[in-house]
Amino acid sequence: MKQVSKTIITAVISFIGVILMFAINFEIIDKIVVTNACKYDTSNTPNGFIFDLFYEISSNTGYHPEPSYFNFGFTAILGLILGLLFSYKLIWK
């Protein structure tokens, strides 16, 4: 394969990795971690440091947990790394 086509395929695989990680995060993990979003606005549910790092609860969100900027960044970087690793094993080796 030519170098340019390998690079383009790597970029596409990395983009797909990011999209897949966002899908996994918001369709599976979010539903497991935040089972009932309404329980956070009606009671003083204690949250840990990790929960507060990945989710934001404020009056802007109706006191329901919403993903934080860190959650978006972490998910994107993790998807990019996994996509690059997969393309390295698949194409570059």
PDB file of N, CA and C in Angstrom:
ATOM      1  N   MET A   1       0.832  -1.181   0.000  1.00  0.00           N
ATOM      2  CA  MET A   1       0.000   0.000   0.000  1.00  0.00           C
ATOM      3  C   MET A   1       0.874   1.241   0.000  1.00  0.00           C
ATOM      4  N   LYS A   2       0.361   2.272  -0.612  1.00  0.00           N
ATOM      5  CA  LYS A   2       1.076   3.536  -0.605  1.00  0.00           C
ATOM      6  C   LYS A   2       0.933   4.208   0.751  1.00  0.00           C
ATOM      7  N   GLN A   3       1.885   5.056   1.048  1.00  0.00           N
ATOM      8  CA  GLN A   3       1.907   5.760   2.331  1.00  0.00           C
ATOM      9  C   GLN A   3       0.665   6.637   2.515  1.00  0.00           C
ATOM     10  N   VAL A   4       0.222   7.301   1.450  1.00  0.00           N
ATOM     11  CA  VAL A   4      -0.924   8.202   1.548  1.00  0.00           C
ATOM     12  C   VAL A   4      -2.197   7.421   1.847  1.00  0.00           C
ATOM     13  N   SER A   5      -2.382   6.292   1.184  1.00  0.00           N
ATOM     14  CA  SER A   5      -3.596   5.505   1.433  1.00  0.00           C
ATOM     15  C   SER A   5      -3.592   4.904   2.836  1.00  0.00           C
ATOM     16  N   LYS A   6      -2.428   4.529   3.335  1.00  0.00           N
ATOM     17  CA  LYS A   6      -2.344   4.031   4.710  1.00  0.00           C
ATOM     18  C   LYS A   6      -2.732   5.130   5.705  1.00  0.00           C
ATOM     19  N   THR A   7      -2.291   6.340   5.437  1.00  0.00           N
ATOM     20  CA  THR A   7      -2.603   7.458   6.320  1.00  0.00           C
ATOM     21  C   THR A   7      -4.094   7.777   6.298  1.00  0.00           C
ATOM     22  N   ILE A   8      -4.688   7.757   5.119  1.00  0.00           N
ATOM     23  CA  ILE A   8      -6.124   8.036   5.009  1.00  0.00           C
ATOM     24  C   ILE A   8      -6.934   6.950   5.710  1.00  0.00           C
ATOM     25  N   ILE A   9      -6.561   5.693   5.517  1.00  0.00           N
ATOM     26  CA  ILE A   9      -7.271   4.591   6.181  1.00  0.00           C
ATOM     27  C   ILE A   9      -7.108   4.692   7.691  1.00  0.00           C
ATOM     28  N   THR A  10      -5.917   5.084   8.160  1.00  0.00           N
ATOM     29  CA  THR A  10      -5.683   5.269   9.590  1.00  0.00           C
ATOM     30  C   THR A  10      -6.575   6.375  10.142  1.00  0.00           C
ATOM     31  N   ALA A  11      -6.705   7.482   9.408  1.00  0.00           N
ATOM     32  CA  ALA A  11      -7.566   8.583   9.858  1.00  0.00           C
ATOM     33  C   ALA A  11      -9.024   8.147   9.916  1.00  0.00           C
ATOM     34  N   VAL A  12      -9.476   7.381   8.934  1.00  0.00           N
ATOM     35  CA  VAL A  12     -10.860   6.903   8.923  1.00  0.00           C
ATOM     36  C   VAL A  12     -11.106   5.938  10.073  1.00  0.00           C
ATOM     37  N   ILE A  13     -10.188   5.021  10.312  1.00  0.00           N
ATOM     38  CA  ILE A  13     -10.335   4.069  11.421  1.00  0.00           C
ATOM     39  C   ILE A  13     -10.321   4.801  12.756  1.00  0.00           C
ATOM     40  N   SER A  14      -9.479   5.824  12.888  1.00  0.00           N
ATOM     41  CA  SER A  14      -9.437   6.597  14.131  1.00  0.00           C
ATOM     42  C   SER A  14     -10.739   7.347  14.349  1.00  0.00           C
ATOM     43  N   PHE A  15     -11.306   7.926  13.285  1.00  0.00           N
ATOM     44  CA  PHE A  15     -12.585   8.616  13.384  1.00  0.00           C
ATOM     45  C   PHE A  15     -13.694   7.644  13.783  1.00  0.00           C
ATOM     46  N   ILE A  16     -13.685   6.459  13.197  1.00  0.00           N
ATOM     47  CA  ILE A  16     -14.675   5.438  13.551  1.00  0.00           C
ATOM     48  C   ILE A  16     -14.504   5.018  15.010  1.00  0.00           C
ATOM     49  N   GLY A  17     -13.251   4.932  15.486  1.00  0.00           N
ATOM     50  CA  GLY A  17     -12.995   4.608  16.888  1.00  0.00           C
ATOM     51  C   GLY A  17     -13.579   5.647  17.833  1.00  0.00           C
ATOM     52  N   VAL A  18     -13.443   6.917  17.475  1.00  0.00           N
ATOM     53  CA  VAL A  18     -14.005   8.000  18.304  1.00  0.00           C
ATOM     54  C   VAL A  18     -15.523   7.902  18.320  1.00  0.00           C
ATOM     55  N   ILE A  19     -16.134   7.700  17.163  1.00  0.00           N
ATOM     56  CA  ILE A  19     -17.593   7.588  17.084  1.00  0.00           C
ATOM     57  C   ILE A  19     -18.085   6.386  17.893  1.00  0.00           C
ATOM     58  N   LEU A  20     -17.390   5.265  17.783  1.00  0.00           N
ATOM     59  CA  LEU A  20     -17.790   4.070  18.548  1.00  0.00           C
ATOM     60  C   LEU A  20     -17.670   4.292  20.051  1.00  0.00           C
ATOM     61  N   MET A  21     -16.619   4.983  20.486  1.00  0.00           N
ATOM     62  CA  MET A  21     -16.469   5.238  21.920  1.00  0.00           C
ATOM     63  C   MET A  21     -17.563   6.162  22.437  1.00  0.00           C
ATOM     64  N   PHE A  22     -17.946   7.167  21.646  1.00  0.00           N
ATOM     65  CA  PHE A  22     -19.059   8.023  22.057  1.00  0.00           C
ATOM     66  C   PHE A  22     -20.353   7.225  22.125  1.00  0.00           C
ATOM     67  N   ALA A  23     -20.566   6.336  21.168  1.00  0.00           N
ATOM     68  CA  ALA A  23     -21.782   5.514  21.184  1.00  0.00           C
ATOM     69  C   ALA A  23     -21.800   4.602  22.408  1.00  0.00           C
ATOM     70  N   ILE A  24     -20.676   3.970  22.702  1.00  0.00           N
ATOM     71  CA  ILE A  24     -20.595   3.094  23.876  1.00  0.00           C
ATOM     72  C   ILE A  24     -20.791   3.898  25.153  1.00  0.00           C
ATOM     73  N   ASN A  25     -20.169   5.077  25.215  1.00  0.00           N
ATOM     74  CA  ASN A  25     -20.272   5.896  26.417  1.00  0.00           C
ATOM     75  C   ASN A  25     -21.699   6.348  26.674  1.00  0.00           C
ATOM     76  N   PHE A  26     -22.368   6.866  25.658  1.00  0.00           N
ATOM     77  CA  PHE A  26     -23.673   7.473  25.887  1.00  0.00           C
ATOM     78  C   PHE A  26     -24.837   6.503  25.763  1.00  0.00           C
ATOM     79  N   GLU A  27     -24.639   5.372  25.124  1.00  0.00           N
ATOM     80  CA  GLU A  27     -25.732   4.408  24.993  1.00  0.00           C
ATOM     81  C   GLU A  27     -25.655   3.282  26.019  1.00  0.00           C
ATOM     82  N   ILE A  28     -24.464   2.991  26.536  1.00  0.00           N
ATOM     83  CA  ILE A  28     -24.327   1.867  27.466  1.00  0.00           C
ATOM     84  C   ILE A  28     -23.854   2.339  28.841  1.00  0.00           C
ATOM     85  N   ILE A  29     -22.677   2.956  28.888  1.00  0.00           N
ATOM     86  CA  ILE A  29     -22.080   3.323  30.176  1.00  0.00           C
ATOM     87  C   ILE A  29     -22.920   4.366  30.907  1.00  0.00           C
ATOM     88  N   ASP A  30     -23.422   5.353  30.181  1.00  0.00           N
ATOM     89  CA  ASP A  30     -24.235   6.395  30.801  1.00  0.00           C
ATOM     90  C   ASP A  30     -25.498   5.820  31.428  1.00  0.00           C
ATOM     91  N   LYS A  31     -26.101   4.850  30.786  1.00  0.00           N
ATOM     92  CA  LYS A  31     -27.316   4.235  31.316  1.00  0.00           C
ATOM     93  C   LYS A  31     -27.032   3.346  32.530  1.00  0.00           C
ATOM     94  N   ILE A  32     -25.814   2.845  32.634  1.00  0.00           N
ATOM     95  CA  ILE A  32     -25.437   2.035  33.795  1.00  0.00           C
ATOM     96  C   ILE A  32     -25.100   2.934  34.986  1.00  0.00           C
ATOM     97  N   VAL A  33     -24.350   3.994  34.742  1.00  0.00           N
ATOM     98  CA  VAL A  33     -23.908   4.873  35.831  1.00  0.00           C
ATOM     99  C   VAL A  33     -25.058   5.733  36.346  1.00  0.00           C
ATOM    100  N   VAL A  34     -25.800   6.346  35.442  1.00  0.00           N
ATOM    101  CA  VAL A  34     -26.919   7.210  35.820  1.00  0.00           C
ATOM    102  C   VAL A  34     -28.198   6.449  35.496  1.00  0.00           C
ATOM    103  N   THR A  35     -28.622   5.614  36.415  1.00  0.00           N
ATOM    104  CA  THR A  35     -29.799   4.789  36.159  1.00  0.00           C
ATOM    105  C   THR A  35     -31.079   5.608  36.169  1.00  0.00           C
ATOM    106  N   ASN A  36     -31.220   6.493  37.144  1.00  0.00           N
ATOM    107  CA  ASN A  36     -32.409   7.329  37.255  1.00  0.00           C
ATOM    108  C   ASN A  36     -31.950   8.764  37.488  1.00  0.00           C
ATOM    109  N   ALA A  37     -32.024   9.569  36.445  1.00  0.00           N
ATOM    110  CA  ALA A  37     -31.524  10.947  36.541  1.00  0.00           C
ATOM    111  C   ALA A  37     -32.344  11.794  37.501  1.00  0.00           C
ATOM    112  N   CYS A  38     -33.590  11.443  37.703  1.00  0.00           N
ATOM    113  CA  CYS A  38     -34.457  12.245  38.574  1.00  0.00           C
ATOM    114  C   CYS A  38     -34.113  12.088  40.055  1.00  0.00           C
ATOM    115  N   LYS A  39     -33.413  11.031  40.420  1.00  0.00           N
ATOM    116  CA  LYS A  39     -33.082  10.867  41.843  1.00  0.00           C
ATOM    117  C   LYS A  39     -32.055  11.899  42.299  1.00  0.00           C
ATOM    118  N   TYR A  40     -31.344  12.512  41.372  1.00  0.00           N
ATOM    119  CA  TYR A  40     -30.345  13.509  41.740  1.00  0.00           C
ATOM    120  C   TYR A  40     -30.964  14.864  42.038  1.00  0.00           C
ATOM    121  N   ASP A  41     -32.170  15.147  41.507  1.00  0.00           N
ATOM    122  CA  ASP A  41     -32.784  16.438  41.791  1.00  0.00           C
ATOM    123  C   ASP A  41     -33.753  16.389  42.962  1.00  0.00           C
ATOM    124  N   THR A  42     -34.146  15.216  43.404  1.00  0.00           N
ATOM    125  CA  THR A  42     -35.091  15.122  44.511  1.00  0.00           C
ATOM    126  C   THR A  42     -34.434  14.760  45.838  1.00  0.00           C
ATOM    127  N   SER A  43     -33.228  14.242  45.787  1.00  0.00           N
ATOM    128  CA  SER A  43     -32.557  13.874  47.034  1.00  0.00           C
ATOM    129  C   SER A  43     -31.108  14.319  46.980  1.00  0.00           C
ATOM    130  N   ASN A  44     -30.510  14.364  48.121  1.00  0.00           N
ATOM    131  CA  ASN A  44     -29.097  14.709  48.205  1.00  0.00           C
ATOM    132  C   ASN A  44     -28.257  13.448  48.060  1.00  0.00           C
ATOM    133  N   THR A  45     -28.203  12.911  46.876  1.00  0.00           N
ATOM    134  CA  THR A  45     -27.426  11.700  46.627  1.00  0.00           C
ATOM    135  C   THR A  45     -25.951  12.060  46.661  1.00  0.00           C
ATOM    136  N   PRO A  46     -25.170  11.419  47.538  1.00  0.00           N
ATOM    137  CA  PRO A  46     -23.738  11.732  47.581  1.00  0.00           C
ATOM    138  C   PRO A  46     -23.039  11.185  46.327  1.00  0.00           C
ATOM    139  N   ASN A  47     -22.221  12.022  45.743  1.00  0.00           N
ATOM    140  CA  ASN A  47     -21.468  11.628  44.560  1.00  0.00           C
ATOM    141  C   ASN A  47     -19.994  11.585  44.906  1.00  0.00           C
ATOM    142  N   GLY A  48     -19.292  10.653  44.285  1.00  0.00           N
ATOM    143  CA  GLY A  48     -17.862  10.556  44.506  1.00  0.00           C
ATOM    144  C   GLY A  48     -17.088  11.477  43.580  1.00  0.00           C
ATOM    145  N   PHE A  49     -15.792  11.506  43.766  1.00  0.00           N
ATOM    146  CA  PHE A  49     -14.918  12.352  42.965  1.00  0.00           C
ATOM    147  C   PHE A  49     -14.967  11.956  41.495  1.00  0.00           C
ATOM    148  N   ILE A  50     -14.968  10.663  41.213  1.00  0.00           N
ATOM    149  CA  ILE A  50     -14.986  10.185  39.832  1.00  0.00           C
ATOM    150  C   ILE A  50     -16.290  10.584  39.146  1.00  0.00           C
ATOM    151  N   PHE A  51     -17.410  10.431  39.838  1.00  0.00           N
ATOM    152  CA  PHE A  51     -18.700  10.822  39.266  1.00  0.00           C
ATOM    153  C   PHE A  51     -18.713  12.314  38.957  1.00  0.00           C
ATOM    154  N   ASP A  52     -18.208  13.121  39.888  1.00  0.00           N
ATOM    155  CA  ASP A  52     -18.178  14.566  39.680  1.00  0.00           C
ATOM    156  C   ASP A  52     -17.221  14.969  38.560  1.00  0.00           C
ATOM    157  N   LEU A  53     -16.221  14.137  38.303  1.00  0.00           N
ATOM    158  CA  LEU A  53     -15.277  14.412  37.229  1.00  0.00           C
ATOM    159  C   LEU A  53     -15.920  14.197  35.858  1.00  0.00           C
ATOM    160  N   PHE A  54     -16.754  13.172  35.755  1.00  0.00           N
ATOM    161  CA  PHE A  54     -17.353  12.813  34.470  1.00  0.00           C
ATOM    162  C   PHE A  54     -18.744  13.404  34.245  1.00  0.00           C
ATOM    163  N   TYR A  55     -19.408  13.841  35.301  1.00  0.00           N
ATOM    164  CA  TYR A  55     -20.770  14.368  35.167  1.00  0.00           C
ATOM    165  C   TYR A  55     -20.894  15.695  35.896  1.00  0.00           C
ATOM    166  N   GLU A  56     -21.771  16.535  35.378  1.00  0.00           N
ATOM    167  CA  GLU A  56     -22.014  17.853  35.941  1.00  0.00           C
ATOM    168  C   GLU A  56     -23.482  17.942  36.342  1.00  0.00           C
ATOM    169  N   ILE A  57     -23.718  18.402  37.563  1.00  0.00           N
ATOM    170  CA  ILE A  57     -25.082  18.597  38.047  1.00  0.00           C
ATOM    171  C   ILE A  57     -25.213  20.060  38.449  1.00  0.00           C
ATOM    172  N   SER A  58     -26.109  20.775  37.772  1.00  0.00           N
ATOM    173  CA  SER A  58     -26.313  22.183  38.092  1.00  0.00           C
ATOM    174  C   SER A  58     -27.753  22.560  37.778  1.00  0.00           C
ATOM    175  N   SER A  59     -28.093  23.794  38.112  1.00  0.00           N
ATOM    176  CA  SER A  59     -29.446  24.263  37.822  1.00  0.00           C
ATOM    177  C   SER A  59     -29.666  24.398  36.316  1.00  0.00           C
ATOM    178  N   ASN A  60     -28.608  24.557  35.559  1.00  0.00           N
ATOM    179  CA  ASN A  60     -28.726  24.639  34.104  1.00  0.00           C
ATOM    180  C   ASN A  60     -29.209  23.330  33.494  1.00  0.00           C
ATOM    181  N   THR A  61     -28.930  22.234  34.153  1.00  0.00           N
ATOM    182  CA  THR A  61     -29.324  20.922  33.643  1.00  0.00           C
ATOM    183  C   THR A  61     -30.556  20.387  34.364  1.00  0.00           C
ATOM    184  N   GLY A  62     -31.212  21.222  35.165  1.00  0.00           N
ATOM    185  CA  GLY A  62     -32.373  20.755  35.927  1.00  0.00           C
ATOM    186  C   GLY A  62     -31.987  19.810  37.038  1.00  0.00           C
ATOM    187  N   TYR A  63     -30.751  19.926  37.507  1.00  0.00           N
ATOM    188  CA  TYR A  63     -30.182  19.065  38.537  1.00  0.00           C
ATOM    189  C   TYR A  63     -30.156  17.603  38.123  1.00  0.00           C
ATOM    190  N   HIS A  64     -30.101  17.362  36.829  1.00  0.00           N
ATOM    191  CA  HIS A  64     -29.891  16.021  36.299  1.00  0.00           C
ATOM    192  C   HIS A  64     -28.438  15.918  35.864  1.00  0.00           C
ATOM    193  N   PRO A  65     -27.822  14.758  36.044  1.00  0.00           N
ATOM    194  CA  PRO A  65     -26.417  14.611  35.635  1.00  0.00           C
ATOM    195  C   PRO A  65     -26.271  14.702  34.116  1.00  0.00           C
ATOM    196  N   GLU A  66     -25.368  15.552  33.682  1.00  0.00           N
ATOM    197  CA  GLU A  66     -25.027  15.709  32.272  1.00  0.00           C
ATOM    198  C   GLU A  66     -23.537  15.463  32.135  1.00  0.00           C
ATOM    199  N   PRO A  67     -23.097  14.893  31.028  1.00  0.00           N
ATOM    200  CA  PRO A  67     -21.659  14.675  30.832  1.00  0.00           C
ATOM    201  C   PRO A  67     -20.891  15.992  30.863  1.00  0.00           C
ATOM    202  N   SER A  68     -19.744  15.960  31.503  1.00  0.00           N
ATOM    203  CA  SER A  68     -18.908  17.157  31.592  1.00  0.00           C
ATOM    204  C   SER A  68     -17.990  17.248  30.377  1.00  0.00           C
ATOM    205  N   TYR A  69     -17.285  18.365  30.284  1.00  0.00           N
ATOM    206  CA  TYR A  69     -16.313  18.523  29.207  1.00  0.00           C
ATOM    207  C   TYR A  69     -15.206  17.487  29.315  1.00  0.00           C
ATOM    208  N   PHE A  70     -14.847  17.141  30.542  1.00  0.00           N
ATOM    209  CA  PHE A  70     -13.833  16.111  30.737  1.00  0.00           C
ATOM    210  C   PHE A  70     -14.314  14.777  30.161  1.00  0.00           C
ATOM    211  N   ASN A  71     -15.591  14.463  30.347  1.00  0.00           N
ATOM    212  CA  ASN A  71     -16.162  13.236  29.815  1.00  0.00           C
ATOM    213  C   ASN A  71     -16.038  13.217  28.288  1.00  0.00           C
ATOM    214  N   PHE A  72     -16.384  14.330  27.644  1.00  0.00           N
ATOM    215  CA  PHE A  72     -16.265  14.411  26.190  1.00  0.00           C
ATOM    216  C   PHE A  72     -14.817  14.237  25.741  1.00  0.00           C
ATOM    217  N   GLY A  73     -13.908  14.951  26.384  1.00  0.00           N
ATOM    218  CA  GLY A  73     -12.496  14.863  26.024  1.00  0.00           C
ATOM    219  C   GLY A  73     -11.913  13.492  26.255  1.00  0.00           C
ATOM    220  N   PHE A  74     -12.224  12.905  27.407  1.00  0.00           N
ATOM    221  CA  PHE A  74     -11.715  11.582  27.742  1.00  0.00           C
ATOM    222  C   PHE A  74     -12.218  10.538  26.741  1.00  0.00           C
ATOM    223  N   THR A  75     -13.495  10.618  26.395  1.00  0.00           N
ATOM    224  CA  THR A  75     -14.074   9.676  25.448  1.00  0.00           C
ATOM    225  C   THR A  75     -13.445   9.835  24.070  1.00  0.00           C
ATOM    226  N   ALA A  76     -13.251  11.068  23.636  1.00  0.00           N
ATOM    227  CA  ALA A  76     -12.653  11.313  22.321  1.00  0.00           C
ATOM    228  C   ALA A  76     -11.206  10.830  22.265  1.00  0.00           C
ATOM    229  N   ILE A  77     -10.441  11.119  23.296  1.00  0.00           N
ATOM    230  CA  ILE A  77      -9.033  10.699  23.314  1.00  0.00           C
ATOM    231  C   ILE A  77      -8.925   9.185  23.390  1.00  0.00           C
ATOM    232  N   LEU A  78      -9.766   8.558  24.202  1.00  0.00           N
ATOM    233  CA  LEU A  78      -9.745   7.099  24.298  1.00  0.00           C
ATOM    234  C   LEU A  78     -10.117   6.452  22.964  1.00  0.00           C
ATOM    235  N   GLY A  79     -11.134   6.982  22.286  1.00  0.00           N
ATOM    236  CA  GLY A  79     -11.516   6.464  20.976  1.00  0.00           C
ATOM    237  C   GLY A  79     -10.418   6.657  19.951  1.00  0.00           C
ATOM    238  N   LEU A  80      -9.747   7.800  19.998  1.00  0.00           N
ATOM    239  CA  LEU A  80      -8.648   8.064  19.077  1.00  0.00           C
ATOM    240  C   LEU A  80      -7.487   7.101  19.315  1.00  0.00           C
ATOM    241  N   ILE A  81      -7.142   6.883  20.570  1.00  0.00           N
ATOM    242  CA  ILE A  81      -6.052   5.964  20.892  1.00  0.00           C
ATOM    243  C   ILE A  81      -6.396   4.539  20.454  1.00  0.00           C
ATOM    244  N   LEU A  82      -7.616   4.099  20.742  1.00  0.00           N
ATOM    245  CA  LEU A  82      -8.010   2.755  20.333  1.00  0.00           C
ATOM    246  C   LEU A  82      -8.047   2.613  18.812  1.00  0.00           C
ATOM    247  N   GLY A  83      -8.517   3.644  18.116  1.00  0.00           N
ATOM    248  CA  GLY A  83      -8.519   3.619  16.658  1.00  0.00           C
ATOM    249  C   GLY A  83      -7.111   3.565  16.085  1.00  0.00           C
ATOM    250  N   LEU A  84      -6.198   4.345  16.672  1.00  0.00           N
ATOM    251  CA  LEU A  84      -4.810   4.328  16.208  1.00  0.00           C
ATOM    252  C   LEU A  84      -4.142   2.985  16.487  1.00  0.00           C
ATOM    253  N   LEU A  85      -4.401   2.411  17.655  1.00  0.00           N
ATOM    254  CA  LEU A  85      -3.839   1.091  17.958  1.00  0.00           C
ATOM    255  C   LEU A  85      -4.367   0.028  17.010  1.00  0.00           C
ATOM    256  N   PHE A  86      -5.664   0.069  16.735  1.00  0.00           N
ATOM    257  CA  PHE A  86      -6.263  -0.900  15.825  1.00  0.00           C
ATOM    258  C   PHE A  86      -5.688  -0.741  14.416  1.00  0.00           C
ATOM    259  N   SER A  87      -5.540   0.493  13.949  1.00  0.00           N
ATOM    260  CA  SER A  87      -4.989   0.693  12.612  1.00  0.00           C
ATOM    261  C   SER A  87      -3.511   0.325  12.562  1.00  0.00           C
ATOM    262  N   TYR A  88      -2.797   0.532  13.650  1.00  0.00           N
ATOM    263  CA  TYR A  88      -1.387   0.127  13.687  1.00  0.00           C
ATOM    264  C   TYR A  88      -1.251  -1.376  13.539  1.00  0.00           C
ATOM    265  N   LYS A  89      -2.092  -2.114  14.288  1.00  0.00           N
ATOM    266  CA  LYS A  89      -2.032  -3.567  14.204  1.00  0.00           C
ATOM    267  C   LYS A  89      -2.525  -4.078  12.847  1.00  0.00           C
ATOM    268  N   LEU A  90      -3.540  -3.418  12.286  1.00  0.00           N
ATOM    269  CA  LEU A  90      -4.163  -3.874  11.060  1.00  0.00           C
ATOM    270  C   LEU A  90      -3.385  -3.465   9.810  1.00  0.00           C
ATOM    271  N   ILE A  91      -2.872  -2.259   9.778  1.00  0.00           N
ATOM    272  CA  ILE A  91      -2.289  -1.708   8.545  1.00  0.00           C
ATOM    273  C   ILE A  91      -0.775  -1.585   8.594  1.00  0.00           C
ATOM    274  N   TRP A  92      -0.263  -1.030   9.659  1.00  0.00           N
ATOM    275  CA  TRP A  92       1.147  -0.645   9.678  1.00  0.00           C
ATOM    276  C   TRP A  92       2.095  -1.788  10.013  1.00  0.00           C
ATOM    277  N   LYS A  93       1.625  -2.878  10.571  1.00  0.00           N
ATOM    278  CA  LYS A  93       2.506  -4.012  10.899  1.00  0.00           C
ATOM    279  C   LYS A  93       2.593  -4.965   9.759  1.00  0.00           C
TER     280      LYS A  93
END
